[in-house]
C-alpha atoms as a PDB file:
ATOM      1  CA  MET A   1     -18.695  15.740   6.864  1.00  0.00           C
ATOM      2  CA  GLN A   2     -20.502  18.920   5.907  1.00  0.00           C
ATOM      3  CA  GLU A   3     -20.723  19.926   2.274  1.00  0.00           C
ATOM      4  CA  GLN A   4     -19.820  16.451   0.986  1.00  0.00           C
ATOM      5  CA  PHE A   5     -21.938  17.219  -2.068  1.00  0.00           C
ATOM      6  CA  LYS A   6     -19.209  19.593  -3.263  1.00  0.00           C
ATOM      7  CA  ASN A   7     -16.941  16.595  -3.829  1.00  0.00           C
ATOM      8  CA  LEU A   8     -19.390  15.019  -6.266  1.00  0.00           C
ATOM      9  CA  LYS A   9     -18.262  15.469  -9.884  1.00  0.00           C
ATOM     10  CA  VAL A  10     -21.895  15.503 -11.003  1.00  0.00           C
ATOM     11  CA  TRP A  11     -22.623  18.446  -8.694  1.00  0.00           C
ATOM     12  CA  GLN A  12     -19.538  20.290  -9.971  1.00  0.00           C
ATOM     13  CA  LYS A  13     -20.593  19.726 -13.600  1.00  0.00           C
ATOM     14  CA  ALA A  14     -24.132  20.864 -12.776  1.00  0.00           C
ATOM     15  CA  MET A  15     -22.760  24.076 -11.285  1.00  0.00           C
ATOM     16  CA  GLU A  16     -20.838  24.705 -14.505  1.00  0.00           C
ATOM     17  CA  LEU A  17     -24.055  24.173 -16.462  1.00  0.00           C
ATOM     18  CA  VAL A  18     -25.824  26.782 -14.329  1.00  0.00           C
ATOM     19  CA  LYS A  19     -23.070  29.307 -15.001  1.00  0.00           C
ATOM     20  CA  GLN A  20     -23.257  28.613 -18.736  1.00  0.00           C
ATOM     21  CA  VAL A  21     -27.037  28.977 -18.769  1.00  0.00           C
ATOM     22  CA  TYR A  22     -26.842  32.285 -16.893  1.00  0.00           C
ATOM     23  CA  GLN A  23     -24.189  33.586 -19.257  1.00  0.00           C
ATOM     24  CA  MET A  24     -26.017  32.541 -22.418  1.00  0.00           C
ATOM     25  CA  THR A  25     -29.411  33.818 -21.289  1.00  0.00           C
ATOM     26  CA  ARG A  26     -28.000  37.322 -20.747  1.00  0.00           C
ATOM     27  CA  THR A  27     -28.453  37.927 -24.464  1.00  0.00           C
ATOM     28  CA  PHE A  28     -32.116  36.879 -24.526  1.00  0.00           C
ATOM     29  CA  PRO A  29     -34.640  39.622 -25.308  1.00  0.00           C
ATOM     30  CA  LYS A  30     -35.691  41.768 -22.349  1.00  0.00           C
ATOM     31  CA  ASP A  31     -39.320  40.721 -22.804  1.00  0.00           C
ATOM     32  CA  GLU A  32     -38.243  37.141 -21.972  1.00  0.00           C
ATOM     33  CA  GLN A  33     -36.803  38.161 -18.592  1.00  0.00           C
ATOM     34  CA  TYR A  34     -39.787  36.762 -16.691  1.00  0.00           C
ATOM     35  CA  GLY A  35     -40.505  34.049 -19.238  1.00  0.00           C
ATOM     36  CA  LEU A  36     -37.996  31.795 -20.937  1.00  0.00           C
ATOM     37  CA  THR A  37     -34.927  33.366 -19.295  1.00  0.00           C
ATOM     38  CA  SER A  38     -36.290  32.882 -15.797  1.00  0.00           C
ATOM     39  CA  GLN A  39     -37.622  29.394 -16.500  1.00  0.00           C
ATOM     40  CA  MET A  40     -34.339  28.222 -18.031  1.00  0.00           C
ATOM     41  CA  ARG A  41     -32.313  29.557 -15.138  1.00  0.00           C
ATOM     42  CA  ARG A  42     -34.610  28.006 -12.512  1.00  0.00           C
ATOM     43  CA  ALA A  43     -34.554  24.613 -14.242  1.00  0.00           C
ATOM     44  CA  ALA A  44     -30.754  24.645 -14.469  1.00  0.00           C
ATOM     45  CA  VAL A  45     -30.347  25.779 -10.844  1.00  0.00           C
ATOM     46  CA  SER A  46     -32.633  22.958  -9.698  1.00  0.00           C
ATOM     47  CA  VAL A  47     -30.121  20.360 -10.866  1.00  0.00           C
ATOM     48  CA  PRO A  48     -27.264  21.049  -8.398  1.00  0.00           C
ATOM     49  CA  LEU A  49     -29.768  22.039  -5.700  1.00  0.00           C
ATOM     50  CA  ASN A  50     -31.473  18.651  -5.838  1.00  0.00           C
ATOM     51  CA  ILE A  51     -28.152  16.815  -5.944  1.00  0.00           C
ATOM     52  CA  ALA A  52     -26.977  18.717  -2.856  1.00  0.00           C
ATOM     53  CA  GLU A  53     -30.249  18.285  -0.985  1.00  0.00           C
ATOM     54  CA  GLY A  54     -30.337  14.574  -1.754  1.00  0.00           C
ATOM     55  CA  LYS A  55     -26.768  14.134  -0.523  1.00  0.00           C
ATOM     56  CA  GLY A  56     -27.857  15.714   2.761  1.00  0.00           C
ATOM     57  CA  ARG A  57     -30.590  13.136   3.353  1.00  0.00           C
ATOM     58  CA  TYR A  58     -30.078  10.226   5.726  1.00  0.00           C
ATOM     59  CA  HIS A  59     -31.760   7.518   3.687  1.00  0.00           C
ATOM     60  CA  LYS A  60     -30.698   6.159   0.310  1.00  0.00           C
ATOM     61  CA  LYS A  61     -34.278   6.142  -0.919  1.00  0.00           C
ATOM     62  CA  GLU A  62     -34.593   9.888  -0.301  1.00  0.00           C
ATOM     63  CA  TYR A  63     -31.225  10.568  -1.933  1.00  0.00           C
ATOM     64  CA  ILE A  64     -32.281   8.640  -5.027  1.00  0.00           C
ATOM     65  CA  GLN A  65     -35.588  10.533  -5.165  1.00  0.00           C
ATOM     66  CA  PHE A  66     -33.713  13.846  -5.241  1.00  0.00           C
ATOM     67  CA  LEU A  67     -31.432  12.514  -7.972  1.00  0.00           C
ATOM     68  CA  TYR A  68     -34.549  11.645  -9.987  1.00  0.00           C
ATOM     69  CA  MET A  69     -35.747  15.233  -9.483  1.00  0.00           C
ATOM     70  CA  ALA A  70     -32.348  16.523 -10.641  1.00  0.00           C
ATOM     71  CA  ARG A  71     -32.647  14.359 -13.735  1.00  0.00           C
ATOM     72  CA  GLY A  72     -36.142  15.702 -14.392  1.00  0.00           C
ATOM     73  CA  SER A  73     -34.802  19.254 -14.133  1.00  0.00           C
ATOM     74  CA  LEU A  74     -32.098  18.324 -16.638  1.00  0.00           C
ATOM     75  CA  TYR A  75     -34.743  17.176 -19.111  1.00  0.00           C
ATOM     76  CA  GLU A  76     -36.655  20.391 -18.519  1.00  0.00           C
ATOM     77  CA  THR A  77     -33.470  22.391 -19.122  1.00  0.00           C
ATOM     78  CA  MET A  78     -32.780  20.490 -22.332  1.00  0.00           C
ATOM     79  CA  THR A  79     -36.286  21.218 -23.609  1.00  0.00           C
ATOM     80  CA  LEU A  80     -35.907  24.915 -22.826  1.00  0.00           C
ATOM     81  CA  ILE A  81     -32.513  25.019 -24.561  1.00  0.00           C
ATOM     82  CA  GLU A  82     -34.035  23.539 -27.704  1.00  0.00           C
ATOM     83  CA  LEU A  83     -36.903  26.018 -27.546  1.00  0.00           C
ATOM     84  CA  ALA A  84     -34.476  28.928 -27.151  1.00  0.00           C
ATOM     85  CA  GLN A  85     -32.585  27.766 -30.232  1.00  0.00           C
ATOM     86  CA  GLU A  86     -35.785  27.385 -32.251  1.00  0.00           C
ATOM     87  CA  LEU A  87     -36.744  30.941 -31.260  1.00  0.00           C
ATOM     88  CA  LYS A  88     -33.264  32.048 -32.421  1.00  0.00           C
ATOM     89  CA  TYR A  89     -32.235  33.224 -28.948  1.00  0.00           C
ATOM     90  CA  LEU A  90     -29.348  30.728 -28.994  1.00  0.00           C
ATOM     91  CA  ALA A  91     -27.079  29.932 -31.909  1.00  0.00           C
ATOM     92  CA  LYS A  92     -26.812  26.268 -32.888  1.00  0.00           C
ATOM     93  CA  PRO A  93     -23.242  25.922 -31.510  1.00  0.00           C
ATOM     94  CA  GLU A  94     -24.348  27.325 -28.140  1.00  0.00           C
ATOM     95  CA  GLU A  95     -27.281  24.915 -28.073  1.00  0.00           C
ATOM     96  CA  GLU A  96     -24.975  21.993 -28.833  1.00  0.00           C
ATOM     97  CA  VAL A  97     -22.562  22.944 -26.033  1.00  0.00           C
ATOM     98  CA  LEU A  98     -25.378  23.194 -23.492  1.00  0.00           C
ATOM     99  CA  LEU A  99     -27.085  19.991 -24.623  1.00  0.00           C
ATOM    100  CA  GLU A 100     -23.777  18.103 -24.511  1.00  0.00           C
ATOM    101  CA  ARG A 101     -23.229  19.291 -20.936  1.00  0.00           C
ATOM    102  CA  CYS A 102     -26.783  18.216 -20.040  1.00  0.00           C
ATOM    103  CA  SER A 103     -26.242  14.776 -21.588  1.00  0.00           C
ATOM    104  CA  GLU A 104     -23.015  14.334 -19.653  1.00  0.00           C
ATOM    105  CA  ILE A 105     -24.700  15.284 -16.371  1.00  0.00           C
ATOM    106  CA  THR A 106     -27.649  12.997 -17.136  1.00  0.00           C
ATOM    107  CA  ALA A 107     -25.283  10.056 -17.653  1.00  0.00           C
ATOM    108  CA  MET A 108     -23.440  10.878 -14.431  1.00  0.00           C
ATOM    109  CA  THR A 109     -26.726  11.161 -12.527  1.00  0.00           C
ATOM    110  CA  ASN A 110     -27.910   7.811 -13.890  1.00  0.00           C
ATOM    111  CA  GLY A 111     -24.585   6.273 -12.872  1.00  0.00           C
ATOM    112  CA  LEU A 112     -24.875   7.684  -9.356  1.00  0.00           C
ATOM    113  CA  ILE A 113     -28.422   6.345  -9.025  1.00  0.00           C
ATOM    114  CA  GLN A 114     -27.212   2.898 -10.113  1.00  0.00           C
ATOM    115  CA  ALA A 115     -24.273   3.021  -7.670  1.00  0.00           C
ATOM    116  CA  ILE A 116     -26.526   3.929  -4.743  1.00  0.00           C
ATOM    117  CA  GLN A 117     -29.121   1.265  -5.523  1.00  0.00           C
END
């Protein structure tokens, strides 16, 4: 019963996104360590955290609310990815890979919300 969230494909994909974001932000300038790097990492980490926390709730309404928060963190992550590319911290192909992963997770999150409702 414990750790059922680990069986969710959307959580697994979100964890992969976090790893990608951490890897790609390693090359950001040092002066962005407490700025864009930190913000991007926190936004990405919030996605699987909210999915897991929601799965641990007893009521569907609470679970859905956490999925909405995960989706909001995805949108925040996508915005930060675009900003990083515009600042030339990410190459266009890296941006496209990350945004594609975000889009996939967004679709999965929307599908899970629909299934629960």
